[in-house]
Protein backbone atom coordinates (compact mmCIF):
# COMPACT_ATOMS: atom_id res chain seq x y z
CA UNK A 1 -36.16 44.15 11.79
CA UNK A 2 -32.96 42.80 13.24
CA UNK A 3 -31.23 39.85 11.93
CA UNK A 4 -29.00 38.18 14.30
CA UNK A 5 -26.94 36.09 11.92
CA UNK A 6 -25.14 32.97 11.97
CA UNK A 7 -22.03 33.14 14.22
CA UNK A 8 -19.95 30.51 16.36
CA UNK A 9 -16.10 29.18 16.09
CA UNK A 10 -14.97 26.03 14.73
CA UNK A 11 -11.45 24.35 15.85
CA UNK A 12 -9.95 22.54 13.13
CA UNK A 13 -7.22 20.21 14.10
CA UNK A 14 -3.93 21.68 12.88
CA UNK A 15 -1.96 18.58 12.06
CA UNK A 16 -4.68 17.02 9.43
CA UNK A 17 -3.01 17.43 5.87
CA UNK A 18 -3.12 15.75 2.47
CA UNK A 19 0.24 15.73 0.61
CA UNK A 20 0.07 13.78 -2.48
CA UNK A 21 2.01 13.39 -5.61
CA UNK A 22 5.08 11.94 -7.39
CA UNK A 23 7.24 14.70 -4.88
CA UNK A 24 5.34 13.46 -1.97
CA UNK A 25 8.04 11.09 -0.34
CA UNK A 26 10.45 14.02 -0.36
CA UNK A 27 8.52 16.25 1.99
CA UNK A 28 8.21 13.90 4.81
CA UNK A 29 11.09 15.33 7.00
CA UNK A 30 9.90 18.65 6.43
CA UNK A 31 6.20 17.86 7.33
CA UNK A 32 7.31 15.61 10.74
CA UNK A 33 9.60 18.98 11.50
CA UNK A 34 6.48 21.28 10.85
CA UNK A 35 4.29 19.50 13.22
CA UNK A 36 7.05 20.01 15.75
CA UNK A 37 7.74 16.26 16.05
CA UNK A 38 11.00 14.93 17.02
CA UNK A 39 10.42 11.38 14.88
CA UNK A 40 7.99 10.36 12.99
CA UNK A 41 6.60 6.31 13.10
CA UNK A 42 5.27 4.35 10.22
CA UNK A 43 2.24 2.33 10.72
CA UNK A 44 1.54 -0.13 7.92
CA UNK A 45 0.14 -3.35 6.36
CA UNK A 46 1.72 -6.62 5.86
CA UNK A 47 1.03 -6.61 2.55
CA UNK A 48 1.90 -3.25 1.88
CA UNK A 49 5.65 -4.06 3.48
CA UNK A 50 6.12 -7.45 2.24
CA UNK A 51 4.52 -6.49 -1.59
CA UNK A 52 6.13 -3.12 -2.26
CA UNK A 53 9.01 -1.03 -1.63
CA UNK A 54 6.79 1.72 -0.45
CA UNK A 55 7.31 1.48 3.20
CA UNK A 56 11.26 1.28 2.83
CA UNK A 57 11.12 4.37 0.65
CA UNK A 58 8.99 6.00 3.39
CA UNK A 59 11.49 5.06 5.99
CA UNK A 60 14.38 6.05 3.63
CA UNK A 61 13.24 9.40 3.00
CA UNK A 62 12.65 10.12 6.88
CA UNK A 63 16.31 8.50 7.55
CA UNK A 64 17.07 9.37 11.52
CA UNK A 65 13.61 11.15 11.66
CA UNK A 66 12.06 7.57 11.40
CA UNK A 67 11.57 6.14 14.66
CA UNK A 68 10.56 2.60 13.72
CA UNK A 69 7.62 0.84 12.04
CA UNK A 70 4.95 -1.71 12.58
CA UNK A 71 3.41 -4.00 9.79
CA UNK A 72 0.09 -5.15 11.63
CA UNK A 73 -2.23 -2.77 10.40
CA UNK A 74 -5.23 -3.32 8.36
CA UNK A 75 -7.14 -1.04 6.21
CA UNK A 76 -9.10 1.06 7.95
CA UNK A 77 -7.22 0.71 11.43
CA UNK A 78 -8.93 0.91 14.80
CA UNK A 79 -7.07 2.96 17.17
CA UNK A 80 -6.54 -0.02 19.52
CA UNK A 81 -4.17 -1.39 16.88
CA UNK A 82 -2.41 2.16 16.41
CA UNK A 83 -1.84 1.72 20.19
CA UNK A 84 -0.43 -1.44 20.43
CA UNK A 85 1.88 -0.12 17.95
């Protein structure tokens, strides 16, 4: 008896990656370049922008690679909000 087995192809999005930890901010510029991007655009929530310094740290670590930011996002941001940014 011949078994056909499972075969196929799965294409994963190559730019999906999670970087975390204390040194993650320092890796932003390298990650932007790895993706082949010229610049990055920060999308954040008003509370993150106004109540913490994280957005400023991200922009600072990106330096000239930061194209700007949009602070009108909410948790689980719908694509229409990202497009608006």
